[in-house]
Amino acid sequence: MVKHMRAFRLAAVLAVLTSPAFAQGLPAGALGLPLGGSDKTLTPEEREAQEARDKAYKESLRKIPNQTAPNDPWGSARAAEQSQKTAAPKPKPAPAASTAR
């Protein structure tokens, strides 16, 4: 009984592990499901329409401005703090000459 259960477990594990590899080897639509890879050729009108869509898409991408500004929410706080540290210290006023001799 124990040997039969071990054999069943081994068969179940092998079936689970090999099913993805088996599915990759099937031709498209072998199980009646469309698995991609359509072999449809485009007519000249469809090809022109596809090229027009691609061109419009590329033009719309050019219209998007570049995001060159860094996204630093603490930038203004850090800039003020650094400017205080890096500012040149004010020269101290010269001490008044003492009149006592």
Protein backbone atom coordinates (compact mmCIF):
# COMPACT_ATOMS: atom_id res chain seq x y z
CA MET A 1 0.00 0.00 0.00
CA VAL A 2 2.84 2.41 0.89
CA LYS A 3 4.65 1.64 -2.38
CA HIS A 4 1.52 2.39 -4.38
CA MET A 5 1.12 5.73 -2.61
CA ARG A 6 4.75 6.65 -3.27
CA ALA A 7 4.36 5.78 -6.95
CA PHE A 8 1.19 7.86 -7.14
CA ARG A 9 2.89 10.84 -5.48
CA LEU A 10 5.88 10.55 -7.83
CA ALA A 11 3.59 10.41 -10.87
CA ALA A 12 1.63 13.45 -9.63
CA VAL A 13 4.79 15.49 -9.02
CA LEU A 14 6.19 14.60 -12.44
CA ALA A 15 2.91 15.50 -14.13
CA VAL A 16 2.82 18.89 -12.42
CA LEU A 17 6.44 19.66 -13.22
CA THR A 18 6.34 18.58 -16.88
CA SER A 19 3.01 20.16 -17.88
CA PRO A 20 4.47 23.65 -18.57
CA ALA A 21 7.16 22.15 -20.83
CA PHE A 22 4.53 20.10 -22.64
CA ALA A 23 2.36 23.18 -23.17
CA GLN A 24 5.25 25.08 -24.74
CA GLY A 25 5.76 22.37 -27.33
CA LEU A 26 2.18 22.44 -28.62
CA PRO A 27 1.46 24.14 -31.93
CA ALA A 28 -0.77 27.22 -31.83
CA GLY A 29 -4.41 26.23 -31.50
CA ALA A 30 -3.71 22.53 -30.86
CA LEU A 31 -6.19 22.44 -27.99
CA GLY A 32 -8.78 24.54 -29.78
CA LEU A 33 -7.59 27.68 -28.01
CA PRO A 34 -5.84 30.53 -29.79
CA LEU A 35 -2.36 30.62 -28.29
CA GLY A 36 -1.09 33.59 -30.27
CA GLY A 37 1.08 33.44 -33.32
CA SER A 38 -1.61 34.23 -35.88
CA ASP A 39 -0.47 33.62 -39.44
CA LYS A 40 -2.80 36.22 -40.98
CA THR A 41 -1.20 38.33 -43.71
CA LEU A 42 -2.24 41.94 -44.01
CA THR A 43 -3.87 43.38 -47.08
CA PRO A 44 -2.32 46.54 -48.55
CA GLU A 45 -5.12 48.66 -47.02
CA GLU A 46 -4.59 47.11 -43.59
CA ARG A 47 -0.84 47.58 -43.91
CA GLU A 48 -1.30 51.28 -44.79
CA ALA A 49 -3.70 51.74 -41.87
CA GLN A 50 -1.20 50.07 -39.54
CA GLU A 51 1.62 52.31 -40.79
CA ALA A 52 -0.58 55.40 -40.32
CA ARG A 53 -1.35 54.33 -36.72
CA ASP A 54 2.33 53.72 -36.04
CA LYS A 55 3.26 57.12 -37.48
CA ALA A 56 0.58 58.90 -35.41
CA TYR A 57 1.76 57.08 -32.29
CA LYS A 58 5.39 58.08 -32.84
CA GLU A 59 4.37 61.71 -33.47
CA SER A 60 2.34 61.77 -30.27
CA LEU A 61 5.36 60.47 -28.36
CA ARG A 62 7.44 63.37 -29.70
CA LYS A 63 4.88 65.86 -28.36
CA ILE A 64 5.35 64.67 -24.78
CA PRO A 65 7.81 66.98 -23.01
CA ASN A 66 10.93 65.47 -21.55
CA GLN A 67 10.86 64.97 -17.81
CA THR A 68 14.22 66.52 -17.01
CA ALA A 69 13.31 68.13 -13.69
CA PRO A 70 14.26 65.91 -10.78
CA ASN A 71 11.53 64.85 -8.45
CA ASP A 72 12.93 65.97 -5.11
CA PRO A 73 10.22 66.91 -2.61
CA TRP A 74 12.82 68.06 -0.06
CA GLY A 75 14.80 70.07 -2.60
CA SER A 76 13.56 73.45 -1.47
CA ALA A 77 14.21 72.71 2.20
CA ARG A 78 17.65 71.32 1.45
CA ALA A 79 18.57 74.22 -0.81
CA ALA A 80 17.75 76.79 1.90
CA GLU A 81 19.69 74.81 4.49
CA GLN A 82 22.74 74.47 2.25
CA SER A 83 22.68 78.13 1.25
CA GLN A 84 22.88 79.13 4.90
CA LYS A 85 25.86 76.85 5.46
CA THR A 86 27.71 77.85 2.33
CA ALA A 87 27.08 81.58 2.64
CA ALA A 88 30.25 83.50 3.42
CA PRO A 89 30.36 84.58 7.04
CA LYS A 90 29.95 88.27 7.54
CA PRO A 91 33.19 89.98 8.57
CA LYS A 92 33.17 91.09 12.18
CA PRO A 93 33.38 94.80 12.71
CA ALA A 94 36.79 95.95 13.76
CA PRO A 95 36.97 96.54 17.51
CA ALA A 96 36.86 100.15 18.48
CA ALA A 97 40.25 101.55 19.36
CA SER A 98 40.53 101.92 23.05
CA THR A 99 41.35 105.40 24.28
CA ALA A 100 42.98 104.25 27.47
CA ARG A 101 46.75 104.33 27.49
